[in-house]
Protein backbone atom coordinates (compact mmCIF):
# COMPACT_ATOMS: atom_id res chain seq x y z
CA MET A 1 10.21 44.63 -53.01
CA THR A 2 13.83 44.38 -53.12
CA GLY A 3 16.57 42.18 -51.46
CA THR A 4 16.65 38.61 -50.80
CA LEU A 5 13.69 36.88 -49.23
CA ALA A 6 14.80 35.88 -45.48
CA SER A 7 12.19 33.56 -44.09
CA SER A 8 9.95 30.88 -45.35
CA SER A 9 7.18 33.09 -44.29
CA GLU A 10 8.21 35.59 -47.01
CA VAL A 11 9.04 32.60 -49.71
CA TRP A 12 5.80 31.01 -49.01
CA PRO A 13 3.65 34.09 -48.42
CA SER A 14 0.34 34.06 -46.32
CA LEU A 15 -2.62 34.12 -48.85
CA PRO A 16 -5.87 34.27 -46.66
CA LEU A 17 -8.83 34.49 -48.99
CA ASP A 18 -11.04 36.55 -46.85
CA ALA A 19 -8.30 39.56 -46.91
CA TRP A 20 -8.11 39.61 -50.91
CA ALA A 21 -11.06 38.23 -52.22
CA ASP A 22 -12.36 41.31 -54.17
CA THR A 23 -8.85 41.76 -55.42
CA LYS A 24 -8.87 38.34 -56.57
CA ALA A 25 -12.16 38.48 -58.14
CA THR A 26 -11.08 41.63 -60.15
CA LEU A 27 -7.91 40.12 -61.01
CA HIS A 28 -9.37 36.89 -62.28
CA LEU A 29 -11.24 38.86 -64.91
CA TRP A 30 -8.21 40.98 -65.79
CA THR A 31 -6.21 37.69 -66.56
CA GLN A 32 -9.23 36.55 -68.74
CA ILE A 33 -9.14 39.49 -70.91
CA VAL A 34 -5.62 39.18 -71.52
CA GLY A 35 -5.52 35.15 -71.95
CA LYS A 36 -8.39 35.82 -74.47
CA ILE A 37 -6.28 38.21 -76.36
CA ARG A 38 -3.69 34.94 -76.70
CA LEU A 39 -6.43 32.55 -77.31
CA ALA A 40 -7.92 34.71 -80.20
CA HIS A 41 -4.40 35.00 -81.97
CA SER A 42 -2.93 31.98 -81.35
CA ALA A 43 -2.75 28.66 -83.47
CA TRP A 44 -4.85 25.97 -81.88
CA GLN A 45 -2.99 23.40 -79.47
CA ASN A 46 -4.54 20.37 -77.84
CA HIS A 47 -6.32 20.72 -74.57
CA GLY A 48 -6.36 24.63 -74.44
CA TRP A 49 -2.65 24.96 -74.31
CA HIS A 50 -2.62 28.11 -76.63
CA SER A 51 -4.79 29.93 -74.26
CA THR A 52 -2.78 29.70 -71.04
CA LEU A 53 -0.48 32.24 -69.18
CA TYR A 54 3.07 31.60 -67.70
CA VAL A 55 4.70 32.52 -64.48
CA THR A 56 7.49 34.82 -64.63
CA PRO A 57 10.19 36.24 -62.43
CA ARG A 58 7.91 39.19 -62.33
CA GLY A 59 4.38 38.17 -62.80
CA LEU A 60 2.52 36.30 -65.59
CA SER A 61 2.85 36.36 -69.06
CA THR A 62 1.30 35.46 -72.56
CA LEU A 63 4.82 34.69 -74.06
CA ALA A 64 4.85 35.60 -77.67
CA VAL A 65 1.73 35.83 -79.46
CA PRO A 66 1.65 36.13 -83.28
CA HIS A 67 -0.20 39.03 -84.87
CA GLY A 68 0.15 39.38 -88.71
CA VAL A 69 3.69 39.54 -89.39
CA ARG A 70 4.64 40.75 -85.82
CA SER A 71 4.48 39.20 -82.50
CA PHE A 72 3.72 40.74 -79.12
CA GLN A 73 3.75 39.72 -75.43
CA ILE A 74 1.55 40.97 -72.51
CA ASP A 75 2.88 40.76 -69.15
CA PHE A 76 1.28 41.21 -65.75
CA ASP A 77 4.22 42.91 -63.55
CA PHE A 78 3.29 42.26 -59.75
CA ILE A 79 6.44 43.95 -58.75
CA ASP A 80 6.28 47.26 -60.36
CA HIS A 81 2.30 46.67 -60.60
CA ARG A 82 2.14 47.48 -64.07
CA LEU A 83 0.88 45.88 -67.11
CA VAL A 84 3.46 45.76 -70.12
CA THR A 85 3.01 45.01 -73.78
CA GLN A 86 6.36 44.42 -75.83
CA VAL A 87 6.16 44.04 -79.70
CA SER A 88 8.77 42.51 -82.29
CA ASP A 89 9.26 45.77 -84.06
CA GLY A 90 10.52 47.32 -80.75
CA ALA A 91 7.25 49.07 -79.76
CA VAL A 92 6.38 49.20 -75.96
CA GLY A 93 3.39 49.94 -74.22
CA GLY A 94 1.55 49.47 -70.62
CA PHE A 95 -0.05 51.31 -67.94
CA ALA A 96 -0.41 50.80 -63.96
CA LEU A 97 -2.28 48.22 -62.20
CA ARG A 98 -4.67 50.08 -60.09
CA ALA A 99 -7.92 49.60 -58.36
CA GLU A 100 -10.25 50.14 -61.32
CA SER A 101 -13.29 48.53 -63.01
CA VAL A 102 -12.94 45.44 -65.27
CA ALA A 103 -14.47 47.68 -67.95
CA VAL A 104 -12.10 50.41 -67.39
CA PHE A 105 -9.10 47.97 -67.72
CA TYR A 106 -10.79 46.35 -70.79
CA ARG A 107 -10.86 49.77 -72.07
CA ARG A 108 -7.57 50.78 -71.33
CA LEU A 109 -6.00 47.70 -72.67
CA MET A 110 -8.01 47.73 -75.97
CA GLU A 111 -6.95 51.53 -76.68
CA GLU A 112 -3.38 50.48 -75.83
CA MET A 113 -3.33 47.67 -78.31
CA ALA A 114 -4.76 49.80 -81.26
CA ARG A 115 -2.15 52.44 -80.41
CA LEU A 116 0.47 49.82 -81.08
CA GLY A 117 -1.27 49.13 -84.23
CA LEU A 118 -2.50 45.63 -82.87
CA PRO A 119 -6.24 45.69 -83.03
CA ILE A 120 -7.79 43.00 -81.15
CA ARG A 121 -11.26 41.43 -80.90
CA ILE A 122 -12.07 38.81 -78.21
CA ASN A 123 -15.38 37.08 -76.88
CA LYS A 124 -16.14 39.46 -73.99
CA ARG A 125 -18.11 36.98 -72.06
CA PRO A 126 -16.12 35.63 -69.08
CA ASN A 127 -15.78 31.94 -68.62
CA GLU A 128 -16.26 29.55 -65.73
CA VAL A 129 -17.91 32.44 -63.44
CA ARG A 130 -21.24 32.56 -61.86
CA ASP A 131 -23.33 35.31 -63.46
CA PRO A 132 -20.85 36.67 -66.21
CA VAL A 133 -21.05 40.09 -67.19
CA PRO A 134 -19.49 41.02 -70.25
CA PHE A 135 -16.07 42.78 -69.77
CA ASP A 136 -16.73 46.32 -71.12
CA GLN A 137 -19.93 46.23 -68.94
CA ASP A 138 -18.46 45.24 -65.74
CA GLU A 139 -18.11 48.16 -63.26
CA ALA A 140 -18.61 45.91 -60.23
CA HIS A 141 -15.15 44.43 -59.71
CA ALA A 142 -12.82 47.36 -59.32
CA THR A 143 -10.45 46.45 -56.42
CA TYR A 144 -6.73 45.91 -56.61
CA ASP A 145 -4.78 45.71 -53.53
CA PRO A 146 -0.97 45.61 -54.65
CA GLU A 147 0.34 43.67 -51.66
CA TYR A 148 -1.79 40.92 -52.16
CA ALA A 149 -1.62 40.69 -56.06
CA ASN A 150 2.25 40.46 -55.01
CA ARG A 151 1.69 37.59 -52.45
CA PHE A 152 -0.41 35.85 -55.10
CA TRP A 153 2.42 35.79 -57.53
CA ARG A 154 4.96 34.74 -55.09
CA ALA A 155 2.86 31.60 -54.30
CA LEU A 156 2.59 31.02 -57.95
CA VAL A 157 6.37 31.50 -58.20
CA GLN A 158 6.79 28.73 -55.34
CA SER A 159 4.11 26.19 -56.88
CA ASP A 160 5.74 26.71 -60.34
CA ARG A 161 9.34 25.74 -59.51
CA VAL A 162 8.20 22.76 -57.45
CA PHE A 163 5.69 21.74 -60.25
CA ARG A 164 8.63 21.86 -62.52
CA GLU A 165 10.66 19.50 -60.60
CA PHE A 166 7.62 17.13 -60.69
CA ARG A 167 6.96 17.41 -64.18
CA SER A 168 10.46 16.49 -64.93
CA ARG A 169 9.87 12.88 -63.36
CA PHE A 170 7.69 11.88 -66.35
CA ILE A 171 8.68 11.34 -69.83
CA GLY A 172 5.34 10.58 -71.47
CA LYS A 173 2.88 13.32 -72.73
CA CYS A 174 2.86 15.98 -70.21
CA SER A 175 1.50 19.58 -70.24
CA PRO A 176 3.73 22.74 -69.50
CA VAL A 177 3.25 24.28 -66.10
CA HIS A 178 0.66 26.78 -66.90
CA PHE A 179 -1.87 29.20 -65.55
CA PHE A 180 -5.50 28.56 -66.73
CA TRP A 181 -7.42 31.85 -66.44
CA GLY A 182 -11.06 30.08 -66.22
CA ILE A 183 -10.90 28.96 -62.64
CA PRO A 184 -8.06 30.28 -61.95
CA ASP A 185 -5.53 27.59 -61.40
CA LEU A 186 -1.72 27.00 -62.15
CA ALA A 187 -1.64 23.31 -63.36
CA VAL A 188 0.51 20.57 -64.85
CA THR A 189 -1.26 17.26 -66.48
CA ARG A 190 0.17 13.90 -67.16
CA PHE A 191 -1.19 11.52 -69.67
CA SER A 192 -1.35 7.85 -69.79
CA GLY A 193 -1.37 7.60 -73.59
CA ARG A 194 -4.98 6.24 -73.92
CA ALA A 195 -8.17 7.81 -75.06
CA ALA A 196 -10.71 8.39 -72.28
CA PRO A 197 -14.39 8.11 -72.12
CA GLU A 198 -16.52 11.11 -73.26
CA HIS A 199 -16.48 13.84 -70.50
CA PRO A 200 -20.09 14.57 -69.45
CA GLY A 201 -19.21 18.57 -69.67
CA GLY A 202 -21.49 20.84 -67.69
CA ILE A 203 -18.86 23.25 -66.33
CA ARG A 204 -20.16 26.56 -65.89
CA ASN A 205 -19.94 28.90 -68.73
CA LEU A 206 -18.06 26.80 -70.83
CA PRO A 207 -18.61 25.14 -73.92
CA ASP A 208 -18.95 21.23 -73.49
CA ARG A 209 -16.98 20.81 -76.73
CA VAL A 210 -14.06 22.40 -75.08
CA THR A 211 -14.24 20.48 -71.93
CA ARG A 212 -14.56 17.07 -73.77
CA GLU A 213 -11.64 17.67 -75.98
CA ALA A 214 -9.57 18.49 -72.79
CA TYR A 215 -10.38 15.77 -71.48
CA SER A 216 -10.19 13.46 -74.46
CA GLN A 217 -7.30 11.41 -73.09
CA GLU A 218 -6.58 9.61 -69.83
CA VAL A 219 -5.00 12.31 -67.30
CA SER A 220 -3.67 12.62 -63.73
CA SER A 221 -3.90 16.40 -63.03
CA CYS A 222 -2.63 18.54 -60.25
CA GLY A 223 -2.20 22.20 -59.63
CA PHE A 224 -2.61 25.29 -57.30
CA ILE A 225 -5.73 27.21 -56.68
CA PRO A 226 -6.03 30.44 -54.66
CA GLY A 227 -9.36 29.61 -53.43
CA GLY A 228 -12.82 30.47 -53.95
CA GLY A 229 -16.36 28.78 -54.29
CA ARG A 230 -16.46 25.27 -52.35
CA VAL A 231 -12.87 25.63 -51.08
CA ARG A 232 -12.47 28.69 -49.18
CA HIS A 233 -8.63 28.65 -48.91
CA ALA A 234 -5.56 28.37 -51.20
CA ALA A 235 -5.12 24.81 -52.03
CA PHE A 236 -3.17 22.22 -53.95
CA TYR A 237 -5.16 19.89 -56.08
CA CYS A 238 -5.05 16.61 -57.62
CA TYR A 239 -7.67 14.54 -59.81
CA ALA A 240 -7.81 12.04 -62.47
CA TYR A 241 -9.99 11.33 -65.39
CA PRO A 242 -11.50 8.79 -65.62
CA GLU A 243 -11.23 8.34 -61.86
CA PRO A 244 -10.07 4.56 -61.14
CA SER A 245 -11.68 2.61 -58.52
CA GLY A 246 -9.95 3.14 -55.24
CA PHE A 247 -8.67 6.40 -56.07
CA ALA A 248 -10.61 8.30 -53.49
CA THR A 249 -9.80 6.00 -50.72
CA ALA A 250 -5.63 5.71 -51.77
CA ALA A 251 -3.26 6.45 -48.85
CA VAL A 252 -1.73 9.39 -50.08
CA ARG A 253 0.68 11.57 -48.27
CA PRO A 254 0.97 14.23 -45.98
CA ARG A 255 -2.06 12.88 -43.77
CA GLU A 256 -3.60 16.24 -44.18
CA ALA A 257 -4.58 15.68 -47.90
CA VAL A 258 -8.31 14.97 -48.03
CA TYR A 259 -10.38 13.50 -50.64
CA ASP A 260 -13.56 15.82 -51.49
CA ASP A 261 -16.27 13.54 -52.63
CA ARG A 262 -18.13 16.44 -54.66
CA LEU A 263 -15.17 18.05 -56.43
CA ARG A 264 -13.61 14.16 -56.76
CA GLN A 265 -10.02 15.57 -56.09
CA PHE A 266 -7.68 15.59 -53.21
CA LEU A 267 -6.75 18.62 -51.69
CA LEU A 268 -3.98 19.91 -49.62
CA SER A 269 -4.13 23.22 -47.73
CA TYR A 270 -1.61 25.74 -49.14
CA ASP A 271 -1.01 26.92 -45.46
CA VAL A 272 -0.34 23.35 -44.59
CA VAL A 273 2.66 23.11 -47.25
CA ARG A 274 3.94 26.75 -46.38
CA GLU A 275 3.90 26.44 -42.51
CA SER A 276 5.88 22.77 -42.74
CA GLU A 277 9.53 22.55 -42.26
CA ASN A 278 10.20 21.56 -45.59
CA PRO A 279 7.32 22.73 -48.04
CA GLU A 280 9.10 21.49 -51.27
CA ALA A 281 9.27 17.99 -50.15
CA MET A 282 5.72 17.90 -48.88
CA LEU A 283 4.22 19.13 -51.88
CA LEU A 284 6.17 16.78 -53.94
CA ASP A 285 5.24 14.12 -51.87
CA PHE A 286 1.56 14.95 -52.38
CA LEU A 287 2.05 15.10 -56.16
CA GLN A 288 3.79 11.80 -56.32
CA THR A 289 1.19 10.10 -54.12
CA THR A 290 -1.64 11.43 -55.57
CA TYR A 291 -0.33 10.56 -59.11
CA GLU A 292 0.40 7.10 -58.05
CA ALA A 293 -2.97 6.82 -56.81
CA ALA A 294 -4.43 7.30 -60.18
CA ALA A 295 -1.57 5.71 -62.41
CA THR A 296 -1.48 2.56 -60.71
CA PRO A 297 -4.99 1.20 -60.34
CA GLY A 298 -5.40 2.72 -63.73
CA ASN A 299 -2.99 0.36 -65.31
CA TRP A 300 -0.70 2.97 -66.70
CA ASN A 301 2.48 1.59 -68.27
CA ARG A 302 4.59 3.53 -65.63
CA ALA A 303 7.79 1.71 -66.55
CA ALA A 304 7.63 3.75 -70.08
CA LEU A 305 6.37 6.70 -68.71
CA GLU A 306 8.51 7.59 -65.71
CA ARG A 307 12.38 8.17 -65.42
CA GLY A 308 13.62 4.99 -64.43
CA SER A 309 15.37 5.92 -61.44
CA LEU A 310 12.43 7.60 -59.91
CA ALA A 311 9.43 4.95 -60.98
CA VAL A 312 8.45 3.46 -57.78
CA GLY A 313 5.52 1.54 -56.30
């Protein structure tokens, strides 16, 4: 893809789940493999921030990961459809992204890392998926549609830039805008500065100790999911932990946003946003009003946590 994107439909691409469900499932597991490599070689950070990937002008990246006295970076390039590894000593590796099983992708990546002098060992069991199969044994997931991989990345690019604007309004503790490969989702999380009650855990194929540390402090978290499970479409979300009284019935905008009682979060269809006259303004309004639905009844010290010129309510 080259040149300037001319229309809103191109900037915010259509992403119907049924059209790329198999590609999404395969790509999800590929990102888990790369994410687990970063996790295995990174110093621990609170709330799992050392495990995430980041949106780039071409795809998704680990950014710099230490390996002894060297460092490396692994990038998904969804323009040229390659996996690229760069090393601090100038070595470069990689291979084409194509329709192949998770097991083949895993083997190719591990062989490439070894060739670069970067031996890697990871936990090969996928997280947060139903009926996990070790990566080196998974021959069932083997679909890669370059068009939809590119569309997914373009949706992430748009979400990332709006989330960054939203993040700039908050001066308290706040996560980076980063891609969690467990669900998967692009997320940004604000913190009240207070401890939270112990989380009950119970997330599929994720140790409770990980979940409890992630939610050890009060949060208002928002993000983008490509769809799957109960939510059969791409969507933006916002939830609070712990959820304050009145959160579920709060008057949030736009009117198309709905509260899901089972997921305990507000959802706004990606299609509603991308088809609106001003997607950026609509998404920012959703992020701001759902945050306020958590922070105000939750008695957050908003005057101290927000940039003064933008503190409202």
